[in-house]
Amino acid sequence: MDTQKLYENQIFKELTCKDFEFKYGEFQSCSFVKCDFSACDLMGAKFMDCNFTDCNLSNVKVRNCSFQNTNFKNCKLIGIDFSVINKLLLNWKFEDCLIEFCLFHNLEMKKTNYIDCVIRESEFEAVNLTGSDFGGSDLDKTKFMNADLSKTDFRKAKNYYIDPTQNKLKGSKFSYPDVMGLLAAFEIEVE
């Protein structure tokens, strides 16, 4: 693939890194279906108005990669350091995804949806998630540190551990009994 190659309105099905070079590509209004990106280098790639469905993005390298109005549905995202992406105009959504061992550090991710996802052992540090929605997601062993979670919806989410002394929670929504996870940081007993 040539540097800065532009692809518009295309559907990519069942591709792997061996089939196609994604590095520095620009993808506008494209769909990726059942593609295996495991361990691919997506450095410098730009995804605008794109959809990823049933894709494996385990251990992808995303340095300077752009995600603008990008949707991930039923995808596997494991071991990705998203803190090195291009932060300009970041806008993405996740639905029914498996997100494990991922790092989301120093990102502006306002109004991001993580709907019905399994987000395990991942870190959200120094991020702005204002107005985001984690509805129906399982946040087992996921950490929020110095995060702005104002007006974020955690109703129907479970297994979260959020230290209210380390994160901004003004206007956030929680449901019982999972809201008790907010008290775990205080090491108190509730009967």
C-alpha atoms as a PDB file:
ATOM      1  CA  MET A   1       0.000   0.000   0.000  1.00  0.00           C
ATOM      2  CA  ASP A   2       1.254   3.473  -0.851  1.00  0.00           C
ATOM      3  CA  THR A   3       1.787   5.954   1.937  1.00  0.00           C
ATOM      4  CA  GLN A   4      -1.353   8.002   2.636  1.00  0.00           C
ATOM      5  CA  LYS A   5      -3.525   5.780   0.402  1.00  0.00           C
ATOM      6  CA  LEU A   6      -7.195   6.776   0.649  1.00  0.00           C
ATOM      7  CA  TYR A   7     -10.032   4.236   0.801  1.00  0.00           C
ATOM      8  CA  GLU A   8     -13.649   5.413   0.781  1.00  0.00           C
ATOM      9  CA  ASN A   9     -16.944   3.555   1.214  1.00  0.00           C
ATOM     10  CA  GLN A  10     -15.350   0.116   1.013  1.00  0.00           C
ATOM     11  CA  ILE A  11     -16.171  -3.108   2.808  1.00  0.00           C
ATOM     12  CA  PHE A  12     -13.206  -5.192   3.943  1.00  0.00           C
ATOM     13  CA  LYS A  13     -14.121  -8.781   4.883  1.00  0.00           C
ATOM     14  CA  GLU A  14     -11.998 -11.435   6.570  1.00  0.00           C
ATOM     15  CA  LEU A  15      -8.716  -9.615   5.982  1.00  0.00           C
ATOM     16  CA  THR A  16      -5.513 -10.184   7.936  1.00  0.00           C
ATOM     17  CA  CYS A  17      -2.293  -8.180   8.163  1.00  0.00           C
ATOM     18  CA  LYS A  18      -0.753 -10.603   5.686  1.00  0.00           C
ATOM     19  CA  ASP A  19      -3.416  -9.680   3.120  1.00  0.00           C
ATOM     20  CA  PHE A  20      -3.289  -5.914   3.447  1.00  0.00           C
ATOM     21  CA  GLU A  21      -1.048  -3.089   4.700  1.00  0.00           C
ATOM     22  CA  PHE A  22      -2.994  -0.714   6.943  1.00  0.00           C
ATOM     23  CA  LYS A  23      -0.103   1.478   8.101  1.00  0.00           C
ATOM     24  CA  TYR A  24      -0.634   5.156   7.204  1.00  0.00           C
ATOM     25  CA  GLY A  25      -3.817   4.369   5.279  1.00  0.00           C
ATOM     26  CA  GLU A  26      -6.791   6.706   5.389  1.00  0.00           C
ATOM     27  CA  PHE A  27     -10.172   4.981   5.630  1.00  0.00           C
ATOM     28  CA  GLN A  28     -13.383   7.010   5.259  1.00  0.00           C
ATOM     29  CA  SER A  29     -16.831   5.453   5.712  1.00  0.00           C
ATOM     30  CA  CYS A  30     -15.384   1.936   5.479  1.00  0.00           C
ATOM     31  CA  SER A  31     -16.589  -1.259   7.138  1.00  0.00           C
ATOM     32  CA  PHE A  32     -14.346  -4.007   8.463  1.00  0.00           C
ATOM     33  CA  VAL A  33     -16.125  -7.335   8.963  1.00  0.00           C
ATOM     34  CA  LYS A  34     -14.572 -10.438  10.552  1.00  0.00           C
ATOM     35  CA  CYS A  35     -11.058  -9.106  10.015  1.00  0.00           C
ATOM     36  CA  ASP A  36      -8.147 -10.414  12.067  1.00  0.00           C
ATOM     37  CA  PHE A  37      -5.891  -7.507  12.956  1.00  0.00           C
ATOM     38  CA  SER A  38      -4.005  -9.394  15.702  1.00  0.00           C
ATOM     39  CA  ALA A  39      -0.559  -7.908  16.191  1.00  0.00           C
ATOM     40  CA  CYS A  40      -1.023  -5.618  13.146  1.00  0.00           C
ATOM     41  CA  ASP A  41       0.783  -2.320  12.981  1.00  0.00           C
ATOM     42  CA  LEU A  42      -1.855   0.357  12.340  1.00  0.00           C
ATOM     43  CA  MET A  43       0.596   3.201  12.926  1.00  0.00           C
ATOM     44  CA  GLY A  44      -0.588   6.472  11.460  1.00  0.00           C
ATOM     45  CA  ALA A  45      -3.779   4.991  10.013  1.00  0.00           C
ATOM     46  CA  LYS A  46      -6.877   7.214  10.027  1.00  0.00           C
ATOM     47  CA  PHE A  47     -10.319   5.717  10.514  1.00  0.00           C
ATOM     48  CA  MET A  48     -13.151   8.213   9.937  1.00  0.00           C
ATOM     49  CA  ASP A  49     -16.826   7.188  10.051  1.00  0.00           C
ATOM     50  CA  CYS A  50     -15.765   3.522  10.054  1.00  0.00           C
ATOM     51  CA  ASN A  51     -17.333   0.388  11.527  1.00  0.00           C
ATOM     52  CA  PHE A  52     -15.534  -2.671  12.866  1.00  0.00           C
ATOM     53  CA  THR A  53     -17.775  -5.725  13.303  1.00  0.00           C
ATOM     54  CA  ASP A  54     -16.699  -9.147  14.626  1.00  0.00           C
ATOM     55  CA  CYS A  55     -13.015  -8.173  14.341  1.00  0.00           C
ATOM     56  CA  ASN A  56     -10.017  -9.310  16.368  1.00  0.00           C
ATOM     57  CA  LEU A  57      -7.803  -6.349  17.286  1.00  0.00           C
ATOM     58  CA  SER A  58      -5.681  -8.142  19.886  1.00  0.00           C
ATOM     59  CA  ASN A  59      -2.247  -6.624  20.447  1.00  0.00           C
ATOM     60  CA  VAL A  60      -2.515  -4.127  17.598  1.00  0.00           C
ATOM     61  CA  LYS A  61      -0.062  -1.250  17.528  1.00  0.00           C
ATOM     62  CA  VAL A  62      -1.931   2.040  17.288  1.00  0.00           C
ATOM     63  CA  ARG A  63       0.753   4.748  17.544  1.00  0.00           C
ATOM     64  CA  ASN A  64      -0.604   7.971  15.986  1.00  0.00           C
ATOM     65  CA  CYS A  65      -3.678   6.102  14.749  1.00  0.00           C
ATOM     66  CA  SER A  66      -6.868   8.228  14.474  1.00  0.00           C
ATOM     67  CA  PHE A  67     -10.378   7.075  15.382  1.00  0.00           C
ATOM     68  CA  GLN A  68     -12.989   9.657  14.398  1.00  0.00           C
ATOM     69  CA  ASN A  69     -16.615   8.574  14.677  1.00  0.00           C
ATOM     70  CA  THR A  70     -15.558   4.915  14.718  1.00  0.00           C
ATOM     71  CA  ASN A  71     -17.762   2.081  15.982  1.00  0.00           C
ATOM     72  CA  PHE A  72     -16.634  -1.292  17.308  1.00  0.00           C
ATOM     73  CA  LYS A  73     -19.274  -4.023  17.579  1.00  0.00           C
ATOM     74  CA  ASN A  74     -18.642  -7.530  18.888  1.00  0.00           C
ATOM     75  CA  CYS A  75     -14.877  -7.013  18.596  1.00  0.00           C
ATOM     76  CA  LYS A  76     -12.004  -8.376  20.653  1.00  0.00           C
ATOM     77  CA  LEU A  77      -9.554  -5.686  21.829  1.00  0.00           C
ATOM     78  CA  ILE A  78      -6.815  -7.167  24.012  1.00  0.00           C
ATOM     79  CA  GLY A  79      -3.488  -5.706  25.116  1.00  0.00           C
ATOM     80  CA  ILE A  80      -3.787  -2.360  23.336  1.00  0.00           C
ATOM     81  CA  ASP A  81      -2.109   0.822  24.560  1.00  0.00           C
ATOM     82  CA  PHE A  82      -4.553   3.468  23.373  1.00  0.00           C
ATOM     83  CA  SER A  83      -2.596   6.225  25.135  1.00  0.00           C
ATOM     84  CA  VAL A  84      -0.361   6.536  22.039  1.00  0.00           C
ATOM     85  CA  ILE A  85      -3.156   7.220  19.518  1.00  0.00           C
ATOM     86  CA  ASN A  86      -3.730  10.554  17.807  1.00  0.00           C
ATOM     87  CA  LYS A  87      -5.944  12.308  20.341  1.00  0.00           C
ATOM     88  CA  LEU A  88      -7.315  14.884  17.904  1.00  0.00           C
ATOM     89  CA  LEU A  89     -11.069  14.529  17.264  1.00  0.00           C
ATOM     90  CA  LEU A  90     -11.208  11.165  19.065  1.00  0.00           C
ATOM     91  CA  ASN A  91     -14.751   9.814  18.926  1.00  0.00           C
ATOM     92  CA  TRP A  92     -15.618   6.122  19.184  1.00  0.00           C
ATOM     93  CA  LYS A  93     -18.220   3.674  20.482  1.00  0.00           C
ATOM     94  CA  PHE A  94     -17.969   0.101  21.716  1.00  0.00           C
ATOM     95  CA  GLU A  95     -20.843  -2.402  21.808  1.00  0.00           C
ATOM     96  CA  ASP A  96     -20.697  -6.056  22.873  1.00  0.00           C
ATOM     97  CA  CYS A  97     -16.892  -5.938  22.829  1.00  0.00           C
ATOM     98  CA  LEU A  98     -14.305  -7.807  24.868  1.00  0.00           C
ATOM     99  CA  ILE A  99     -11.756  -5.240  26.085  1.00  0.00           C
ATOM    100  CA  GLU A 100      -8.948  -6.739  28.183  1.00  0.00           C
ATOM    101  CA  PHE A 101      -5.589  -5.457  29.413  1.00  0.00           C
ATOM    102  CA  CYS A 102      -6.010  -2.154  27.549  1.00  0.00           C
ATOM    103  CA  LEU A 103      -4.622   1.222  28.582  1.00  0.00           C
ATOM    104  CA  PHE A 104      -6.669   4.381  28.157  1.00  0.00           C
ATOM    105  CA  HIS A 105      -4.412   7.114  29.564  1.00  0.00           C
ATOM    106  CA  ASN A 106      -4.570  10.895  29.057  1.00  0.00           C
ATOM    107  CA  LEU A 107      -7.450  10.808  26.569  1.00  0.00           C
ATOM    108  CA  GLU A 108     -10.470  13.041  25.986  1.00  0.00           C
ATOM    109  CA  MET A 109     -13.266  10.510  25.537  1.00  0.00           C
ATOM    110  CA  LYS A 110     -16.370  12.500  26.392  1.00  0.00           C
ATOM    111  CA  LYS A 111     -19.679  10.779  25.620  1.00  0.00           C
ATOM    112  CA  THR A 112     -18.074   7.443  24.766  1.00  0.00           C
ATOM    113  CA  ASN A 113     -20.410   4.443  24.894  1.00  0.00           C
ATOM    114  CA  TYR A 114     -19.210   1.102  26.212  1.00  0.00           C
ATOM    115  CA  ILE A 115     -22.505  -0.795  25.965  1.00  0.00           C
ATOM    116  CA  ASP A 116     -22.763  -4.442  27.067  1.00  0.00           C
ATOM    117  CA  CYS A 117     -18.979  -4.861  26.980  1.00  0.00           C
ATOM    118  CA  VAL A 118     -16.662  -6.962  29.109  1.00  0.00           C
ATOM    119  CA  ILE A 119     -13.893  -4.563  30.143  1.00  0.00           C
ATOM    120  CA  ARG A 120     -11.433  -6.585  32.190  1.00  0.00           C
ATOM    121  CA  GLU A 121      -8.184  -5.548  33.862  1.00  0.00           C
ATOM    122  CA  SER A 122      -7.950  -2.331  31.872  1.00  0.00           C
ATOM    123  CA  GLU A 123      -6.917   1.143  33.050  1.00  0.00           C
ATOM    124  CA  PHE A 124      -8.608   4.492  32.577  1.00  0.00           C
ATOM    125  CA  GLU A 125      -6.108   7.002  33.951  1.00  0.00           C
ATOM    126  CA  ALA A 126      -6.262  10.799  33.631  1.00  0.00           C
ATOM    127  CA  VAL A 127      -9.095  10.490  31.104  1.00  0.00           C
ATOM    128  CA  ASN A 128     -12.166  12.624  30.560  1.00  0.00           C
ATOM    129  CA  LEU A 129     -15.184  10.338  30.245  1.00  0.00           C
ATOM    130  CA  THR A 130     -17.779  13.032  31.006  1.00  0.00           C
ATOM    131  CA  GLY A 131     -21.226  11.948  29.838  1.00  0.00           C
ATOM    132  CA  SER A 132     -20.106   8.444  28.868  1.00  0.00           C
ATOM    133  CA  ASP A 133     -22.219   5.297  29.221  1.00  0.00           C
ATOM    134  CA  PHE A 134     -21.043   1.938  30.580  1.00  0.00           C
ATOM    135  CA  GLY A 135     -24.553   0.418  30.564  1.00  0.00           C
ATOM    136  CA  GLY A 136     -24.595  -3.356  30.863  1.00  0.00           C
ATOM    137  CA  SER A 137     -20.792  -3.628  30.970  1.00  0.00           C
ATOM    138  CA  ASP A 138     -18.766  -5.846  33.281  1.00  0.00           C
ATOM    139  CA  LEU A 139     -15.785  -3.846  34.599  1.00  0.00           C
ATOM    140  CA  ASP A 140     -14.026  -6.634  36.502  1.00  0.00           C
ATOM    141  CA  LYS A 141     -10.616  -5.494  37.827  1.00  0.00           C
ATOM    142  CA  THR A 142     -10.697  -2.344  35.693  1.00  0.00           C
ATOM    143  CA  LYS A 143      -9.167   0.726  37.339  1.00  0.00           C
ATOM    144  CA  PHE A 144     -10.238   4.355  37.136  1.00  0.00           C
ATOM    145  CA  MET A 145      -7.552   6.766  38.366  1.00  0.00           C
ATOM    146  CA  ASN A 146      -7.754  10.566  38.248  1.00  0.00           C
ATOM    147  CA  ALA A 147     -10.612  10.226  35.769  1.00  0.00           C
ATOM    148  CA  ASP A 148     -13.396  12.705  35.142  1.00  0.00           C
ATOM    149  CA  LEU A 149     -16.487  10.518  35.311  1.00  0.00           C
ATOM    150  CA  SER A 150     -18.944  13.409  35.713  1.00  0.00           C
ATOM    151  CA  LYS A 151     -22.413  12.594  34.355  1.00  0.00           C
ATOM    152  CA  THR A 152     -21.228   9.107  33.385  1.00  0.00           C
ATOM    153  CA  ASP A 153     -23.859   6.362  33.455  1.00  0.00           C
ATOM    154  CA  PHE A 154     -22.881   3.219  35.360  1.00  0.00           C
ATOM    155  CA  ARG A 155     -26.443   1.950  35.757  1.00  0.00           C
ATOM    156  CA  LYS A 156     -26.642  -1.719  34.811  1.00  0.00           C
ATOM    157  CA  ALA A 157     -22.811  -1.913  34.895  1.00  0.00           C
ATOM    158  CA  LYS A 158     -21.276  -4.368  37.341  1.00  0.00           C
ATOM    159  CA  ASN A 159     -18.045  -5.319  39.093  1.00  0.00           C
ATOM    160  CA  TYR A 160     -16.665  -1.793  39.031  1.00  0.00           C
ATOM    161  CA  TYR A 161     -14.277  -0.394  41.587  1.00  0.00           C
ATOM    162  CA  ILE A 162     -14.151   3.382  41.604  1.00  0.00           C
ATOM    163  CA  ASP A 163     -12.432   5.336  44.355  1.00  0.00           C
ATOM    164  CA  PRO A 164     -14.527   8.514  44.842  1.00  0.00           C
ATOM    165  CA  THR A 165     -11.523  10.287  46.372  1.00  0.00           C
ATOM    166  CA  GLN A 166      -9.441   9.742  43.217  1.00  0.00           C
ATOM    167  CA  ASN A 167     -12.066  10.427  40.521  1.00  0.00           C
ATOM    168  CA  LYS A 168     -14.655  13.099  39.704  1.00  0.00           C
ATOM    169  CA  LEU A 169     -18.162  11.672  39.974  1.00  0.00           C
ATOM    170  CA  LYS A 170     -20.463  14.693  40.037  1.00  0.00           C
ATOM    171  CA  GLY A 171     -23.780  13.851  38.377  1.00  0.00           C
ATOM    172  CA  SER A 172     -22.809  10.220  37.632  1.00  0.00           C
ATOM    173  CA  LYS A 173     -25.556   7.597  37.715  1.00  0.00           C
ATOM    174  CA  PHE A 174     -25.327   4.298  39.571  1.00  0.00           C
ATOM    175  CA  SER A 175     -27.744   1.529  40.452  1.00  0.00           C
ATOM    176  CA  TYR A 176     -28.087  -0.599  43.557  1.00  0.00           C
ATOM    177  CA  PRO A 177     -26.498  -2.949  44.607  1.00  0.00           C
ATOM    178  CA  ASP A 178     -23.458  -2.287  42.373  1.00  0.00           C
ATOM    179  CA  VAL A 179     -23.122   1.263  43.722  1.00  0.00           C
ATOM    180  CA  MET A 180     -21.656  -0.369  46.830  1.00  0.00           C
ATOM    181  CA  GLY A 181     -18.440  -0.682  44.809  1.00  0.00           C
ATOM    182  CA  LEU A 182     -17.881   3.011  45.534  1.00  0.00           C
ATOM    183  CA  LEU A 183     -17.400   2.168  49.203  1.00  0.00           C
ATOM    184  CA  ALA A 184     -14.701  -0.478  48.656  1.00  0.00           C
ATOM    185  CA  ALA A 185     -11.952   2.154  48.793  1.00  0.00           C
ATOM    186  CA  PHE A 186     -12.943   2.995  52.372  1.00  0.00           C
ATOM    187  CA  GLU A 187     -12.608  -0.625  53.572  1.00  0.00           C
ATOM    188  CA  ILE A 188     -15.839  -0.450  55.526  1.00  0.00           C
ATOM    189  CA  GLU A 189     -18.438  -3.127  56.138  1.00  0.00           C
ATOM    190  CA  VAL A 190     -22.037  -2.675  55.079  1.00  0.00           C
ATOM    191  CA  GLU A 191     -24.680  -5.069  56.411  1.00  0.00           C
END
